[in-house]
Amino acid sequence: MTFSLRIPTTYLIIRHLTLTPRRFFANRNILKLNERKILQNVIPRLTPDFEKQLIGEAQTIYCGFDPTAESLHIGNLLVLICLLHCQRAGHSPIVLIGGATARIGDPSGKNVERPFLSDALVETNVTKIKEKIDEIFANHEWHFWKNEKHKLPALRIVNNADWYQKRNVIDFMSKEARHVRMGDLLSRTNVKSRIESPEGLSLNEFSYQLFQAYDWYHLFQTYGCAVQLGGNDQTGNMQSGHDFIKRATGKSVFGLTVPLVKSSTGDKLGKSAGNAVWLSAAKTSPFELFQFLRNTPDADVEQMLTLFTFDPMKEIADLMKRHKAQPELYQAQMHLAQQVVLLIHGEAGLESARRCTAALFQSSAEALAGLSADELQSLYRGMPTTELLLEPGLTLLDLVMKAKCFPRREDAERVIQQGGVSINHRRIQQANYVLVYGEHVLPSDATLIRVGKKNFYLVRWKKDIS
């Protein structure tokens, strides 16, 4: 069902008289989530009791991610932004990292079984994801939280491996599995489709619902967590968690799903030729993220601003008016890119993206000089990189051959003489031109070679320690 929050008329009349400032802000914020279309469905359904919960006391709300990679991707970001909106409203946020469930594998949305992950790999992924989530919440508080009168509730990050390591399988099955019904598990769409597929469904993936359900139960018992956030592909798992807690405690909990964001052409957000846009700077640099968002089509940018920024709806509407009046300035896309990069990578990341953008479009040695070697690498992702020692008398011809820009020396000489080779955006047409450290090596101890218009090579210069 479509999420719709109905506020009684009497509440609208008396809210200024009866609510504390924190509760007033929370209620307004919940309304904004609905206005922004961040919330899609309520699990199991929207009820008057749940409305009272949202209007009344502050809640503890959690979302979870399995560390199956070393980074979350931008598709996961909407869930985190929704959790941040809840934190802004005075609710206590929990992020659960599935150090245990990553080893099992969630069949939701998958056609084949997830590959086996070693304990060491999972632990590394847990650490990196936790660091990035901490960074995002810190960036939000520093750059986006404007209400100095109200301190944000503290973020809590938990790892479900911490409680599963204390349980043995017999104890867990005898005490916890009794709260789950086979008929319910088998009725889930993702389970049925996998069972009927040629690949089938393994027992460990089938049991995933039990473990995620218990996770919610554990958080409910430990922290009073009665609300879970997740993508709409988690509907079945949320329902299993709701049913588990209802049978075990007699109390009701609720899940809120966020939509799967797609472009106007139907493509999943963050998917480009099969490659995800990651939140980790090591996998997707701030510059690459900035350019991805800067290239958002006009048909999608208003939706993206609504979902991925904290700007009031009126400010977004005003920005869209200015953008439509002068679309060639890309004001909406630039603002979107700045806001999201600032949230994910902080001020240093945004400045790096700006430097790289200037270097890309100015095509000058001066702009390149302001970049680190890693920023240069991100500027031309995938370009071949070579480490060399700058020896006295090294010529341009020597350089392009050692950097493997050409298969044969005669080819290199010909292209150089024709003006087809540039060093740090400066064309050199003499093959025997001797390279000089202060002139042809950037402050980052790197040199950018361009052959033709689109072929780039990076040389990182090693220090002579002899």
Protein backbone atom coordinates (compact mmCIF):
# COMPACT_ATOMS: atom_id res chain seq x y z
CA MET A 1 0.00 0.00 0.00
CA THR A 2 1.10 3.59 -0.52
CA PHE A 3 2.25 5.37 2.61
CA SER A 4 -0.03 8.17 3.75
CA LEU A 5 0.15 9.91 7.10
CA ARG A 6 -3.18 11.37 8.15
CA ILE A 7 -3.07 13.91 11.01
CA PRO A 8 -6.31 14.44 12.93
CA THR A 9 -7.76 17.97 12.65
CA THR A 10 -7.83 18.35 16.42
CA TYR A 11 -4.10 17.66 16.55
CA LEU A 12 -3.41 20.32 13.94
CA ILE A 13 -5.32 22.88 16.04
CA ILE A 14 -3.70 22.19 19.41
CA ARG A 15 -0.18 21.08 18.51
CA HIS A 16 1.40 24.43 19.45
CA LEU A 17 -0.19 24.27 22.90
CA THR A 18 0.45 20.67 23.92
CA LEU A 19 3.73 19.56 22.38
CA THR A 20 7.28 20.22 23.45
CA PRO A 21 9.57 21.85 20.86
CA ARG A 22 11.28 18.51 20.18
CA ARG A 23 8.00 16.70 19.52
CA PHE A 24 6.77 19.50 17.29
CA PHE A 25 9.90 19.27 15.17
CA ALA A 26 9.61 15.46 15.02
CA ASN A 27 6.02 15.54 13.82
CA ARG A 28 6.77 18.15 11.19
CA ASN A 29 9.72 16.12 10.02
CA ILE A 30 7.69 12.93 9.66
CA LEU A 31 5.24 14.87 7.52
CA LYS A 32 8.11 16.07 5.35
CA LEU A 33 9.25 12.50 4.77
CA ASN A 34 5.85 11.78 3.29
CA GLU A 35 5.81 15.01 1.27
CA ARG A 36 9.25 14.20 -0.12
CA LYS A 37 8.07 10.71 -1.16
CA ILE A 38 10.96 9.09 0.70
CA LEU A 39 8.60 6.62 2.36
CA GLN A 40 6.72 4.20 0.17
CA ASN A 41 5.05 1.47 2.25
CA VAL A 42 4.23 0.62 5.86
CA ILE A 43 4.72 -2.97 7.04
CA PRO A 44 2.35 -4.60 7.84
CA ARG A 45 0.00 -1.62 7.29
CA LEU A 46 -0.64 1.91 8.48
CA THR A 47 -2.76 1.88 11.65
CA PRO A 48 -4.04 4.56 14.05
CA ASP A 49 -1.73 3.14 16.73
CA PHE A 50 1.30 3.63 14.52
CA GLU A 51 0.20 7.17 13.70
CA LYS A 52 0.03 7.85 17.44
CA GLN A 53 3.56 6.48 17.81
CA LEU A 54 4.89 8.81 15.13
CA ILE A 55 3.04 11.81 16.56
CA GLY A 56 3.88 10.99 20.15
CA GLU A 57 7.05 9.77 21.83
CA ALA A 58 10.41 9.71 20.09
CA GLN A 59 11.13 6.29 18.57
CA THR A 60 14.23 4.16 18.14
CA ILE A 61 14.57 3.42 14.42
CA TYR A 62 17.05 1.15 12.66
CA CYS A 63 18.23 0.16 9.23
CA GLY A 64 20.63 -2.62 8.34
CA PHE A 65 23.25 -3.40 5.71
CA ASP A 66 25.13 -6.61 5.02
CA PRO A 67 28.87 -5.97 4.43
CA THR A 68 29.11 -8.00 1.23
CA ALA A 69 31.43 -5.36 -0.26
CA GLU A 70 33.88 -2.90 1.28
CA SER A 71 31.53 0.00 0.57
CA LEU A 72 27.85 0.84 0.40
CA HIS A 73 26.65 2.31 -2.90
CA ILE A 74 24.53 5.33 -3.67
CA GLY A 75 21.39 3.20 -3.84
CA ASN A 76 21.89 2.53 -0.09
CA LEU A 77 22.25 6.25 0.60
CA LEU A 78 18.50 6.93 0.47
CA VAL A 79 17.92 4.65 3.47
CA LEU A 80 20.64 6.48 5.41
CA ILE A 81 19.17 9.86 4.45
CA CYS A 82 15.76 8.68 5.63
CA LEU A 83 17.37 7.65 8.93
CA LEU A 84 19.03 11.07 9.14
CA HIS A 85 15.63 12.73 8.66
CA CYS A 86 14.36 10.63 11.56
CA GLN A 87 17.35 11.66 13.68
CA ARG A 88 16.63 15.30 12.84
CA ALA A 89 13.12 14.67 14.12
CA GLY A 90 14.41 13.55 17.51
CA HIS A 91 14.33 9.79 16.96
CA SER A 92 17.27 7.62 18.01
CA PRO A 93 19.04 6.05 15.00
CA ILE A 94 20.63 2.61 14.90
CA VAL A 95 22.56 1.18 11.96
CA LEU A 96 23.00 -2.57 12.04
CA ILE A 97 25.92 -4.01 10.07
CA GLY A 98 25.36 -7.69 9.33
CA GLY A 99 28.73 -9.20 10.14
CA ALA A 100 26.92 -12.50 10.71
CA THR A 101 24.17 -12.35 8.10
CA ALA A 102 26.66 -11.41 5.36
CA ARG A 103 27.99 -14.94 5.72
CA ILE A 104 24.51 -16.36 5.09
CA GLY A 105 23.25 -14.31 2.17
CA ASP A 106 19.96 -12.54 1.56
CA PRO A 107 18.13 -14.04 -1.45
CA SER A 108 16.03 -10.88 -1.92
CA GLY A 109 16.41 -9.62 -5.46
CA LYS A 110 19.08 -12.23 -6.29
CA ASN A 111 18.89 -14.87 -9.02
CA VAL A 112 21.87 -16.87 -7.79
CA GLU A 113 23.38 -17.66 -4.42
CA ARG A 114 25.72 -15.08 -2.98
CA PRO A 115 29.39 -16.23 -3.09
CA PHE A 116 31.08 -17.38 0.10
CA LEU A 117 32.80 -14.61 2.07
CA SER A 118 35.70 -15.34 4.39
CA ASP A 119 35.62 -14.14 8.00
CA ALA A 120 38.60 -11.86 7.38
CA LEU A 121 36.95 -10.23 4.35
CA VAL A 122 33.68 -9.66 6.19
CA GLU A 123 35.48 -8.09 9.15
CA THR A 124 37.39 -5.76 6.82
CA ASN A 125 34.15 -4.76 5.10
CA VAL A 126 32.45 -4.15 8.47
CA THR A 127 35.22 -1.80 9.54
CA LYS A 128 35.20 0.21 6.32
CA ILE A 129 31.41 0.52 6.16
CA LYS A 130 31.22 1.58 9.80
CA GLU A 131 33.84 4.27 9.22
CA LYS A 132 31.93 5.69 6.25
CA ILE A 133 28.57 5.68 8.05
CA ASP A 134 30.16 7.47 11.02
CA GLU A 135 31.62 10.00 8.58
CA ILE A 136 28.28 10.62 6.86
CA PHE A 137 26.48 11.23 10.15
CA ALA A 138 29.30 13.51 11.34
CA ASN A 139 29.21 15.45 8.05
CA HIS A 140 25.44 15.82 8.38
CA GLU A 141 25.68 17.20 11.90
CA TRP A 142 28.51 19.58 11.02
CA HIS A 143 27.28 20.89 7.67
CA PHE A 144 23.49 20.40 7.59
CA TRP A 145 22.10 20.53 11.12
CA LYS A 146 20.92 24.11 11.59
CA ASN A 147 18.98 23.74 14.83
CA GLU A 148 21.43 24.64 17.58
CA LYS A 149 18.75 24.46 20.27
CA HIS A 150 18.28 20.70 19.88
CA LYS A 151 21.15 18.23 20.03
CA LEU A 152 20.80 15.31 17.64
CA PRO A 153 20.26 11.90 19.26
CA ALA A 154 23.45 9.86 19.16
CA LEU A 155 23.98 7.34 16.37
CA ARG A 156 24.48 3.76 17.49
CA ILE A 157 26.18 1.28 15.13
CA VAL A 158 25.91 -2.41 16.01
CA ASN A 159 27.22 -5.63 14.44
CA ASN A 160 24.94 -8.66 14.64
CA ALA A 161 27.99 -10.94 14.83
CA ASP A 162 28.36 -9.69 18.42
CA TRP A 163 25.24 -11.52 19.60
CA TYR A 164 25.29 -14.53 17.31
CA GLN A 165 28.82 -15.43 18.44
CA LYS A 166 27.39 -15.96 21.91
CA ARG A 167 24.74 -18.45 20.75
CA ASN A 168 25.04 -22.08 19.73
CA VAL A 169 22.87 -23.50 16.98
CA ILE A 170 20.81 -25.85 19.20
CA ASP A 171 20.02 -23.11 21.71
CA PHE A 172 19.13 -20.66 18.95
CA MET A 173 16.87 -23.05 17.05
CA SER A 174 15.09 -24.32 20.15
CA LYS A 175 14.39 -20.86 21.61
CA GLU A 176 14.05 -18.57 18.59
CA ALA A 177 13.00 -20.59 15.53
CA ARG A 178 9.72 -21.53 17.24
CA HIS A 179 8.53 -17.96 16.61
CA VAL A 180 8.69 -18.38 12.81
CA ARG A 181 6.17 -20.27 10.66
CA MET A 182 7.23 -22.20 7.56
CA GLY A 183 4.10 -21.24 5.64
CA ASP A 184 4.92 -17.56 6.07
CA LEU A 185 8.51 -18.01 4.95
CA LEU A 186 7.53 -20.03 1.89
CA SER A 187 4.94 -17.45 0.86
CA ARG A 188 7.52 -14.67 0.36
CA THR A 189 7.81 -13.70 -3.30
CA ASN A 190 11.61 -13.73 -3.32
CA VAL A 191 11.67 -17.20 -1.75
CA LYS A 192 9.07 -18.65 -4.10
CA SER A 193 10.81 -17.31 -7.20
CA ARG A 194 14.16 -18.74 -6.14
CA ILE A 195 12.73 -22.14 -5.21
CA GLU A 196 11.10 -22.39 -8.62
CA SER A 197 14.24 -21.26 -10.48
CA PRO A 198 16.81 -23.67 -11.98
CA GLU A 199 19.35 -22.42 -9.42
CA GLY A 200 17.07 -23.30 -6.50
CA LEU A 201 17.43 -21.96 -2.96
CA SER A 202 19.91 -23.27 -0.40
CA LEU A 203 18.98 -23.81 3.23
CA ASN A 204 21.32 -21.09 4.45
CA GLU A 205 19.68 -18.44 2.21
CA PHE A 206 16.22 -19.74 3.13
CA SER A 207 17.10 -19.22 6.81
CA TYR A 208 18.10 -15.60 6.23
CA GLN A 209 14.62 -14.37 7.15
CA LEU A 210 14.91 -16.03 10.55
CA PHE A 211 18.18 -14.26 11.34
CA GLN A 212 17.03 -10.83 10.18
CA ALA A 213 13.81 -11.29 12.13
CA TYR A 214 15.80 -12.12 15.24
CA ASP A 215 18.02 -9.07 14.68
CA TRP A 216 14.99 -6.83 14.96
CA TYR A 217 13.77 -8.75 18.01
CA HIS A 218 17.19 -8.32 19.64
CA LEU A 219 17.13 -4.56 18.98
CA PHE A 220 13.55 -4.35 20.21
CA GLN A 221 14.40 -6.11 23.47
CA THR A 222 17.69 -4.26 23.99
CA TYR A 223 16.90 -0.73 22.78
CA GLY A 224 13.11 -0.64 22.39
CA CYS A 225 13.50 -0.40 18.61
CA ALA A 226 9.97 -0.63 17.17
CA VAL A 227 10.60 0.78 13.66
CA GLN A 228 12.78 -0.55 10.85
CA LEU A 229 13.74 1.29 7.64
CA GLY A 230 14.75 -0.49 4.45
CA GLY A 231 14.46 -0.71 0.72
CA ASN A 232 11.22 -2.03 -0.71
CA ASP A 233 13.04 -5.27 -1.59
CA GLN A 234 13.13 -5.90 2.18
CA THR A 235 9.34 -6.11 2.54
CA GLY A 236 9.34 -9.88 3.13
CA ASN A 237 12.14 -9.72 5.70
CA MET A 238 10.40 -6.87 7.52
CA GLN A 239 7.17 -8.86 7.63
CA SER A 240 9.06 -11.83 9.10
CA GLY A 241 10.55 -9.56 11.78
CA HIS A 242 7.14 -8.12 12.59
CA ASP A 243 5.63 -11.59 12.92
CA PHE A 244 8.53 -12.85 15.07
CA ILE A 245 8.24 -9.98 17.55
CA LYS A 246 4.45 -10.22 17.67
CA ARG A 247 4.58 -13.94 18.54
CA ALA A 248 7.47 -13.56 20.99
CA THR A 249 6.25 -10.46 22.85
CA GLY A 250 2.66 -9.78 21.81
CA LYS A 251 3.69 -6.26 20.79
CA SER A 252 3.51 -4.58 17.39
CA VAL A 253 6.39 -3.13 15.42
CA PHE A 254 6.41 -1.44 12.03
CA GLY A 255 8.57 -1.32 8.95
CA LEU A 256 8.94 1.63 6.60
CA THR A 257 10.23 1.05 3.09
CA VAL A 258 11.94 3.57 0.84
CA PRO A 259 11.49 3.35 -2.93
CA LEU A 260 13.94 1.92 -5.40
CA VAL A 261 15.07 5.08 -7.14
CA LYS A 262 15.03 4.91 -10.93
CA SER A 263 15.72 7.44 -13.61
CA SER A 264 13.10 8.66 -16.06
CA THR A 265 14.38 5.97 -18.45
CA GLY A 266 13.81 3.20 -15.90
CA ASP A 267 17.47 2.62 -14.99
CA LYS A 268 18.44 1.93 -11.39
CA LEU A 269 20.16 4.82 -9.64
CA GLY A 270 23.91 4.45 -9.51
CA LYS A 271 24.15 1.83 -12.23
CA SER A 272 26.25 2.83 -15.20
CA ALA A 273 27.22 0.08 -17.62
CA GLY A 274 26.83 -2.35 -14.73
CA ASN A 275 29.11 -0.42 -12.36
CA ALA A 276 27.80 0.88 -9.05
CA VAL A 277 28.50 4.39 -7.80
CA TRP A 278 30.10 3.73 -4.41
CA LEU A 279 30.17 5.82 -1.23
CA SER A 280 33.82 4.96 -0.60
CA ALA A 281 36.27 7.48 -2.06
CA ALA A 282 38.63 4.61 -2.85
CA LYS A 283 36.06 3.06 -5.21
CA THR A 284 34.28 6.18 -6.50
CA SER A 285 36.21 9.41 -5.96
CA PRO A 286 34.45 12.61 -4.84
CA PHE A 287 35.06 13.96 -8.36
CA GLU A 288 33.44 10.92 -10.00
CA LEU A 289 30.46 11.15 -7.66
CA PHE A 290 30.18 14.88 -8.36
CA GLN A 291 30.20 14.29 -12.12
CA PHE A 292 27.66 11.46 -11.85
CA LEU A 293 25.23 13.78 -10.06
CA ARG A 294 26.14 16.77 -12.23
CA ASN A 295 25.02 14.71 -15.24
CA THR A 296 21.55 14.00 -13.79
CA PRO A 297 18.98 14.52 -16.57
CA ASP A 298 16.61 17.48 -16.24
CA ALA A 299 13.71 15.04 -16.02
CA ASP A 300 15.17 13.49 -12.84
CA VAL A 301 16.87 16.33 -11.01
CA GLU A 302 13.86 17.60 -9.03
CA GLN A 303 13.16 14.11 -7.71
CA MET A 304 16.84 13.71 -6.79
CA LEU A 305 16.87 17.03 -4.93
CA THR A 306 13.76 16.02 -3.02
CA LEU A 307 15.17 12.65 -2.02
CA PHE A 308 18.87 13.31 -1.51
CA THR A 309 19.08 16.80 0.01
CA PHE A 310 17.73 18.33 3.21
CA ASP A 311 16.55 21.50 1.49
CA PRO A 312 12.99 22.59 2.31
CA MET A 313 10.51 21.83 -0.45
CA LYS A 314 9.95 25.54 -1.14
CA GLU A 315 13.66 26.10 -1.70
CA ILE A 316 13.74 23.17 -4.11
CA ALA A 317 10.75 24.59 -6.00
CA ASP A 318 12.46 28.01 -6.22
CA LEU A 319 15.69 26.40 -7.43
CA MET A 320 13.81 24.47 -10.11
CA LYS A 321 12.23 27.72 -11.35
CA ARG A 322 15.66 29.27 -11.75
CA HIS A 323 16.97 26.12 -13.40
CA LYS A 324 14.14 25.97 -15.92
CA ALA A 325 14.68 29.62 -16.78
CA GLN A 326 18.39 28.98 -17.52
CA PRO A 327 18.90 25.22 -17.94
CA GLU A 328 22.27 25.76 -19.61
CA LEU A 329 23.72 26.77 -16.22
CA TYR A 330 22.86 23.40 -14.63
CA GLN A 331 22.05 25.15 -11.35
CA ALA A 332 19.90 22.29 -10.03
CA GLN A 333 22.43 19.59 -10.92
CA MET A 334 25.34 21.57 -9.47
CA HIS A 335 23.49 22.12 -6.21
CA LEU A 336 22.56 18.43 -6.02
CA ALA A 337 26.17 17.39 -6.61
CA GLN A 338 27.53 19.81 -4.03
CA GLN A 339 25.05 18.77 -1.34
CA VAL A 340 25.51 15.01 -1.78
CA VAL A 341 29.31 15.13 -2.04
CA LEU A 342 29.45 17.34 1.06
CA LEU A 343 27.31 14.82 2.95
CA ILE A 344 29.32 11.78 1.91
CA HIS A 345 32.87 13.15 1.76
CA GLY A 346 32.79 16.37 3.75
CA GLU A 347 34.30 19.72 2.86
CA ALA A 348 37.67 18.22 1.86
CA GLY A 349 35.94 15.86 -0.56
CA LEU A 350 33.88 18.65 -2.08
CA GLU A 351 36.99 20.81 -2.56
CA SER A 352 38.74 17.86 -4.21
CA ALA A 353 35.80 17.43 -6.59
CA ARG A 354 35.91 21.14 -7.44
CA ARG A 355 39.66 21.04 -8.11
CA CYS A 356 39.31 18.02 -10.35
CA THR A 357 36.38 19.57 -12.20
CA ALA A 358 38.38 22.75 -12.83
CA ALA A 359 41.35 20.72 -14.03
CA LEU A 360 39.15 18.70 -16.38
CA PHE A 361 37.51 21.66 -18.06
CA GLN A 362 40.38 24.16 -17.97
CA SER A 363 42.94 21.71 -19.42
CA SER A 364 45.82 23.72 -18.00
CA ALA A 365 49.05 22.76 -16.27
CA GLU A 366 48.21 25.26 -13.52
CA ALA A 367 44.96 23.43 -12.70
CA LEU A 368 46.72 20.05 -12.73
CA ALA A 369 49.36 21.38 -10.34
CA GLY A 370 46.74 21.69 -7.61
CA LEU A 371 45.84 17.99 -7.72
CA SER A 372 47.26 15.05 -5.81
CA ALA A 373 48.34 11.94 -7.72
CA ASP A 374 45.20 10.14 -6.50
CA GLU A 375 43.04 13.00 -7.76
CA LEU A 376 44.75 12.81 -11.12
CA GLN A 377 44.03 9.09 -11.19
CA SER A 378 40.35 9.70 -10.47
CA LEU A 379 40.21 12.39 -13.11
CA TYR A 380 40.93 9.81 -15.79
CA ARG A 381 39.78 6.61 -14.11
CA GLY A 382 41.17 3.49 -15.70
CA MET A 383 44.11 5.16 -17.40
CA PRO A 384 47.35 3.12 -17.36
CA THR A 385 49.73 4.08 -14.55
CA THR A 386 53.48 3.53 -14.45
CA GLU A 387 56.04 4.16 -11.71
CA LEU A 388 59.36 5.49 -12.99
CA LEU A 389 62.55 7.00 -11.69
CA LEU A 390 63.34 10.40 -13.23
CA GLU A 391 66.82 9.87 -14.55
CA PRO A 392 69.02 12.70 -15.85
CA GLY A 393 68.67 13.16 -19.59
CA LEU A 394 65.31 11.36 -19.86
CA THR A 395 63.68 12.46 -23.11
CA LEU A 396 60.06 12.67 -24.11
CA LEU A 397 60.57 9.68 -26.41
CA ASP A 398 62.07 7.67 -23.55
CA LEU A 399 59.13 8.62 -21.33
CA VAL A 400 56.33 7.62 -23.69
CA MET A 401 58.02 4.29 -24.43
CA LYS A 402 58.60 3.47 -20.74
CA ALA A 403 54.99 4.43 -20.02
CA LYS A 404 53.94 2.04 -22.83
CA CYS A 405 52.09 4.71 -24.76
CA PHE A 406 53.29 3.23 -28.07
CA PRO A 407 54.29 -0.25 -29.23
CA ARG A 408 57.17 1.03 -31.41
CA ARG A 409 59.62 3.94 -31.19
CA GLU A 410 59.02 5.00 -34.77
CA ASP A 411 55.29 5.34 -34.07
CA ALA A 412 56.05 7.48 -31.05
CA GLU A 413 58.45 9.73 -32.96
CA ARG A 414 55.92 10.27 -35.74
CA VAL A 415 53.02 11.17 -33.42
CA ILE A 416 55.23 13.47 -31.31
CA GLN A 417 56.42 15.35 -34.41
CA GLN A 418 52.80 15.71 -35.56
CA GLY A 419 51.89 17.38 -32.23
CA GLY A 420 49.91 14.45 -30.88
CA VAL A 421 51.61 14.20 -27.46
CA SER A 422 51.11 16.56 -24.53
CA ILE A 423 52.76 16.62 -21.10
CA ASN A 424 50.52 18.09 -18.40
CA HIS A 425 48.36 19.63 -21.16
CA ARG A 426 51.37 21.23 -22.89
CA ARG A 427 52.18 20.01 -26.36
CA ILE A 428 55.78 19.03 -27.10
CA GLN A 429 56.84 18.20 -30.68
CA GLN A 430 60.50 17.28 -30.16
CA ALA A 431 61.09 13.59 -29.45
CA ASN A 432 64.52 14.30 -27.92
CA TYR A 433 63.18 17.01 -25.59
CA VAL A 434 64.75 16.43 -22.15
CA LEU A 435 62.32 16.42 -19.22
CA VAL A 436 63.03 18.71 -16.28
CA TYR A 437 61.74 18.05 -12.76
CA GLY A 438 60.39 21.52 -12.02
CA GLU A 439 58.78 21.87 -15.44
CA HIS A 440 57.38 18.49 -16.43
CA VAL A 441 56.75 16.90 -13.04
CA LEU A 442 53.75 18.17 -11.06
CA PRO A 443 54.02 19.01 -7.32
CA SER A 444 52.32 15.66 -6.68
CA ASP A 445 55.36 13.90 -8.23
CA ALA A 446 53.26 12.82 -11.19
CA THR A 447 53.12 13.54 -14.90
CA LEU A 448 50.04 13.33 -17.11
CA ILE A 449 50.65 12.20 -20.69
CA ARG A 450 48.01 12.64 -23.36
CA VAL A 451 48.27 10.91 -26.73
CA GLY A 452 45.75 12.17 -29.26
CA LYS A 453 42.54 13.51 -27.77
CA LYS A 454 41.36 10.72 -25.46
CA ASN A 455 44.30 8.51 -24.46
CA PHE A 456 45.76 9.40 -21.07
CA TYR A 457 48.65 7.86 -19.13
CA LEU A 458 49.83 8.66 -15.62
CA VAL A 459 53.42 8.44 -14.46
CA ARG A 460 54.16 8.43 -10.74
CA TRP A 461 57.77 9.40 -10.09
CA LYS A 462 59.67 7.37 -7.52
CA LYS A 463 62.11 9.05 -5.16
CA ASP A 464 65.76 8.19 -5.65
CA ILE A 465 66.81 6.98 -2.20
CA SER A 466 70.28 5.83 -3.24
